[in-house]
C-alpha atoms as a PDB file:
ATOM      1  CA  UNK A   1     237.140  90.239 -75.804  1.00  0.00           C
ATOM      2  CA  UNK A   2     234.288  88.006 -74.914  1.00  0.00           C
ATOM      3  CA  UNK A   3     230.851  89.019 -75.343  1.00  0.00           C
ATOM      4  CA  UNK A   4     228.239  88.740 -72.520  1.00  0.00           C
ATOM      5  CA  UNK A   5     224.667  87.622 -73.642  1.00  0.00           C
ATOM      6  CA  UNK A   6     222.357  90.621 -73.663  1.00  0.00           C
ATOM      7  CA  UNK A   7     220.306  90.994 -70.504  1.00  0.00           C
ATOM      8  CA  UNK A   8     216.707  90.566 -71.392  1.00  0.00           C
ATOM      9  CA  UNK A   9     214.869  93.195 -69.675  1.00  0.00           C
ATOM     10  CA  UNK A  10     211.474  92.106 -67.826  1.00  0.00           C
ATOM     11  CA  UNK A  11     208.301  94.243 -67.468  1.00  0.00           C
ATOM     12  CA  UNK A  12     206.740  95.451 -64.418  1.00  0.00           C
ATOM     13  CA  UNK A  13     204.134  92.720 -64.399  1.00  0.00           C
ATOM     14  CA  UNK A  14     206.753  90.091 -64.581  1.00  0.00           C
ATOM     15  CA  UNK A  15     208.858  91.472 -61.782  1.00  0.00           C
ATOM     16  CA  UNK A  16     205.771  92.023 -59.419  1.00  0.00           C
ATOM     17  CA  UNK A  17     204.816  88.420 -60.158  1.00  0.00           C
ATOM     18  CA  UNK A  18     207.965  87.132 -58.820  1.00  0.00           C
ATOM     19  CA  UNK A  19     207.757  89.153 -55.468  1.00  0.00           C
ATOM     20  CA  UNK A  20     205.799  86.492 -53.712  1.00  0.00           C
ATOM     21  CA  UNK A  21     208.284  83.800 -54.724  1.00  0.00           C
ATOM     22  CA  UNK A  22     211.043  86.066 -53.758  1.00  0.00           C
ATOM     23  CA  UNK A  23     209.489  86.878 -50.397  1.00  0.00           C
ATOM     24  CA  UNK A  24     208.833  83.109 -49.597  1.00  0.00           C
ATOM     25  CA  UNK A  25     212.495  82.387 -50.646  1.00  0.00           C
ATOM     26  CA  UNK A  26     213.783  85.172 -48.124  1.00  0.00           C
ATOM     27  CA  UNK A  27     211.596  84.156 -45.248  1.00  0.00           C
ATOM     28  CA  UNK A  28     212.544  80.526 -45.694  1.00  0.00           C
ATOM     29  CA  UNK A  29     216.162  81.332 -45.764  1.00  0.00           C
ATOM     30  CA  UNK A  30     215.852  83.562 -42.727  1.00  0.00           C
ATOM     31  CA  UNK A  31     214.148  80.515 -40.954  1.00  0.00           C
ATOM     32  CA  UNK A  32     216.902  78.217 -41.976  1.00  0.00           C
ATOM     33  CA  UNK A  33     219.615  80.856 -40.518  1.00  0.00           C
ATOM     34  CA  UNK A  34     217.592  81.150 -37.345  1.00  0.00           C
ATOM     35  CA  UNK A  35     217.433  77.349 -37.022  1.00  0.00           C
ATOM     36  CA  UNK A  36     221.211  77.004 -37.475  1.00  0.00           C
ATOM     37  CA  UNK A  37     222.102  79.716 -35.136  1.00  0.00           C
ATOM     38  CA  UNK A  38     219.735  78.672 -32.279  1.00  0.00           C
ATOM     39  CA  UNK A  39     221.256  75.034 -32.621  1.00  0.00           C
ATOM     40  CA  UNK A  40     224.718  76.252 -32.227  1.00  0.00           C
ATOM     41  CA  UNK A  41     223.916  78.448 -29.456  1.00  0.00           C
ATOM     42  CA  UNK A  42     222.061  75.706 -27.674  1.00  0.00           C
ATOM     43  CA  UNK A  43     225.156  73.256 -27.984  1.00  0.00           C
ATOM     44  CA  UNK A  44     227.322  75.710 -26.715  1.00  0.00           C
ATOM     45  CA  UNK A  45     224.862  76.507 -23.761  1.00  0.00           C
ATOM     46  CA  UNK A  46     224.877  72.568 -23.106  1.00  0.00           C
ATOM     47  CA  UNK A  47     228.451  72.466 -22.639  1.00  0.00           C
ATOM     48  CA  UNK A  48     228.250  75.220 -20.203  1.00  0.00           C
ATOM     49  CA  UNK A  49     225.439  73.727 -18.240  1.00  0.00           C
ATOM     50  CA  UNK A  50     227.396  70.615 -17.857  1.00  0.00           C
ATOM     51  CA  UNK A  51     230.313  72.552 -16.661  1.00  0.00           C
ATOM     52  CA  UNK A  52     228.247  74.160 -14.199  1.00  0.00           C
ATOM     53  CA  UNK A  53     226.592  71.141 -13.058  1.00  0.00           C
ATOM     54  CA  UNK A  54     230.105  69.760 -12.419  1.00  0.00           C
ATOM     55  CA  UNK A  55     231.059  72.667 -10.274  1.00  0.00           C
ATOM     56  CA  UNK A  56     227.697  72.428  -8.424  1.00  0.00           C
ATOM     57  CA  UNK A  57     228.476  68.577  -7.418  1.00  0.00           C
ATOM     58  CA  UNK A  58     232.208  69.485  -6.364  1.00  0.00           C
ATOM     59  CA  UNK A  59     230.517  72.571  -4.242  1.00  0.00           C
ATOM     60  CA  UNK A  60     228.519  69.741  -2.410  1.00  0.00           C
ATOM     61  CA  UNK A  61     231.638  67.599  -1.634  1.00  0.00           C
ATOM     62  CA  UNK A  62     233.147  71.256  -0.305  1.00  0.00           C
ATOM     63  CA  UNK A  63     230.145  71.775   1.938  1.00  0.00           C
ATOM     64  CA  UNK A  64     230.396  68.314   3.456  1.00  0.00           C
ATOM     65  CA  UNK A  65     234.054  68.944   4.170  1.00  0.00           C
ATOM     66  CA  UNK A  66     233.264  72.254   5.723  1.00  0.00           C
ATOM     67  CA  UNK A  67     230.572  70.931   7.935  1.00  0.00           C
ATOM     68  CA  UNK A  68     232.864  67.950   8.863  1.00  0.00           C
ATOM     69  CA  UNK A  69     235.383  70.655   9.876  1.00  0.00           C
ATOM     70  CA  UNK A  70     232.744  72.471  11.951  1.00  0.00           C
ATOM     71  CA  UNK A  71     231.917  69.377  13.947  1.00  0.00           C
ATOM     72  CA  UNK A  72     235.585  68.471  14.462  1.00  0.00           C
ATOM     73  CA  UNK A  73     236.095  72.179  15.799  1.00  0.00           C
ATOM     74  CA  UNK A  74     233.275  72.036  18.091  1.00  0.00           C
ATOM     75  CA  UNK A  75     234.406  68.705  19.374  1.00  0.00           C
ATOM     76  CA  UNK A  76     237.409  70.291  20.789  1.00  0.00           C
ATOM     77  CA  UNK A  77     235.045  72.269  23.414  1.00  0.00           C
ATOM     78  CA  UNK A  78     232.161  69.598  23.754  1.00  0.00           C
ATOM     79  CA  UNK A  79     231.784  65.963  23.169  1.00  0.00           C
ATOM     80  CA  UNK A  80     231.667  65.020  19.349  1.00  0.00           C
ATOM     81  CA  UNK A  81     228.220  63.858  19.416  1.00  0.00           C
ATOM     82  CA  UNK A  82     226.881  67.112  20.783  1.00  0.00           C
ATOM     83  CA  UNK A  83     229.200  68.994  18.361  1.00  0.00           C
ATOM     84  CA  UNK A  84     227.576  66.946  15.524  1.00  0.00           C
ATOM     85  CA  UNK A  85     223.833  67.711  16.934  1.00  0.00           C
ATOM     86  CA  UNK A  86     224.687  71.501  17.271  1.00  0.00           C
ATOM     87  CA  UNK A  87     225.777  71.609  13.654  1.00  0.00           C
ATOM     88  CA  UNK A  88     222.692  69.687  12.456  1.00  0.00           C
ATOM     89  CA  UNK A  89     220.552  71.870  14.537  1.00  0.00           C
ATOM     90  CA  UNK A  90     222.090  74.896  12.905  1.00  0.00           C
ATOM     91  CA  UNK A  91     221.317  73.670   9.489  1.00  0.00           C
ATOM     92  CA  UNK A  92     217.982  72.563  10.331  1.00  0.00           C
ATOM     93  CA  UNK A  93     217.106  76.262  11.324  1.00  0.00           C
ATOM     94  CA  UNK A  94     218.859  77.386   7.913  1.00  0.00           C
ATOM     95  CA  UNK A  95     216.631  74.930   5.911  1.00  0.00           C
ATOM     96  CA  UNK A  96     213.265  76.211   7.641  1.00  0.00           C
ATOM     97  CA  UNK A  97     214.269  79.903   6.917  1.00  0.00           C
ATOM     98  CA  UNK A  98     214.949  79.246   3.549  1.00  0.00           C
ATOM     99  CA  UNK A  99     211.839  76.962   3.015  1.00  0.00           C
ATOM    100  CA  UNK A 100     209.709  79.622   4.583  1.00  0.00           C
ATOM    101  CA  UNK A 101     211.109  82.284   2.426  1.00  0.00           C
ATOM    102  CA  UNK A 102     210.600  80.166  -0.672  1.00  0.00           C
ATOM    103  CA  UNK A 103     207.064  79.142   0.347  1.00  0.00           C
ATOM    104  CA  UNK A 104     206.241  82.974   0.689  1.00  0.00           C
ATOM    105  CA  UNK A 105     207.619  83.625  -2.760  1.00  0.00           C
ATOM    106  CA  UNK A 106     205.768  80.956  -4.350  1.00  0.00           C
ATOM    107  CA  UNK A 107     202.631  82.207  -2.649  1.00  0.00           C
ATOM    108  CA  UNK A 108     202.867  85.198  -4.573  1.00  0.00           C
ATOM    109  CA  UNK A 109     203.148  83.686  -7.966  1.00  0.00           C
ATOM    110  CA  UNK A 110     199.954  81.613  -7.628  1.00  0.00           C
ATOM    111  CA  UNK A 111     198.054  81.111  -9.910  1.00  0.00           C
ATOM    112  CA  UNK A 112     200.692  80.673 -12.443  1.00  0.00           C
ATOM    113  CA  UNK A 113     198.981  82.124 -15.251  1.00  0.00           C
ATOM    114  CA  UNK A 114     200.094  84.874 -17.696  1.00  0.00           C
ATOM    115  CA  UNK A 115     197.180  87.286 -16.571  1.00  0.00           C
ATOM    116  CA  UNK A 116     198.558  90.443 -18.453  1.00  0.00           C
ATOM    117  CA  UNK A 117     198.566  88.434 -21.780  1.00  0.00           C
ATOM    118  CA  UNK A 118     195.150  86.981 -21.121  1.00  0.00           C
ATOM    119  CA  UNK A 119     194.033  90.533 -20.347  1.00  0.00           C
ATOM    120  CA  UNK A 120     195.639  91.909 -23.419  1.00  0.00           C
ATOM    121  CA  UNK A 121     194.260  89.072 -25.734  1.00  0.00           C
ATOM    122  CA  UNK A 122     190.569  89.745 -24.377  1.00  0.00           C
ATOM    123  CA  UNK A 123     191.069  93.321 -25.046  1.00  0.00           C
ATOM    124  CA  UNK A 124     192.371  92.825 -28.736  1.00  0.00           C
ATOM    125  CA  UNK A 125     189.663  90.377 -29.434  1.00  0.00           C
ATOM    126  CA  UNK A 126     187.114  92.679 -28.251  1.00  0.00           C
ATOM    127  CA  UNK A 127     188.722  95.416 -30.440  1.00  0.00           C
ATOM    128  CA  UNK A 128     188.453  93.307 -33.579  1.00  0.00           C
ATOM    129  CA  UNK A 129     184.732  92.312 -32.625  1.00  0.00           C
ATOM    130  CA  UNK A 130     184.257  96.190 -32.289  1.00  0.00           C
ATOM    131  CA  UNK A 131     183.114  95.759 -28.751  1.00  0.00           C
ATOM    132  CA  UNK A 132     183.996  98.233 -26.320  1.00  0.00           C
ATOM    133  CA  UNK A 133     187.061 100.806 -26.740  1.00  0.00           C
ATOM    134  CA  UNK A 134     190.430 100.025 -27.765  1.00  0.00           C
ATOM    135  CA  UNK A 135     192.737 101.488 -25.041  1.00  0.00           C
ATOM    136  CA  UNK A 136     196.327 102.652 -25.478  1.00  0.00           C
ATOM    137  CA  UNK A 137     198.792 100.380 -23.450  1.00  0.00           C
END
């Protein structure tokens, strides 16, 4: 039978003295795990974004083919040049409507400042300084 060496018992003060080192090692280990996990997820996301970009490029070709089909279909009932102008005019109206809606949405977001965060930070700074009352969120 092999005997294991006796376990040396450590004092409470020695154990307490080791706490900062153990906490630092734990935090460093968690940070390394976080880095590894985020890098792996970003690699997977990069592949997904690349595939979606490829799909968007194919979609642009698809839209071109559909527009060509619309022009050719209208060319049956009107001259081809007029059919192309009608399709272009419909597209121009769609672009104008989308641009107008987008402009209205952008106008709502101006100025692009994190107003709630700034307000909360000012409130927290005042609370630390002892100025004013601390409000419940």
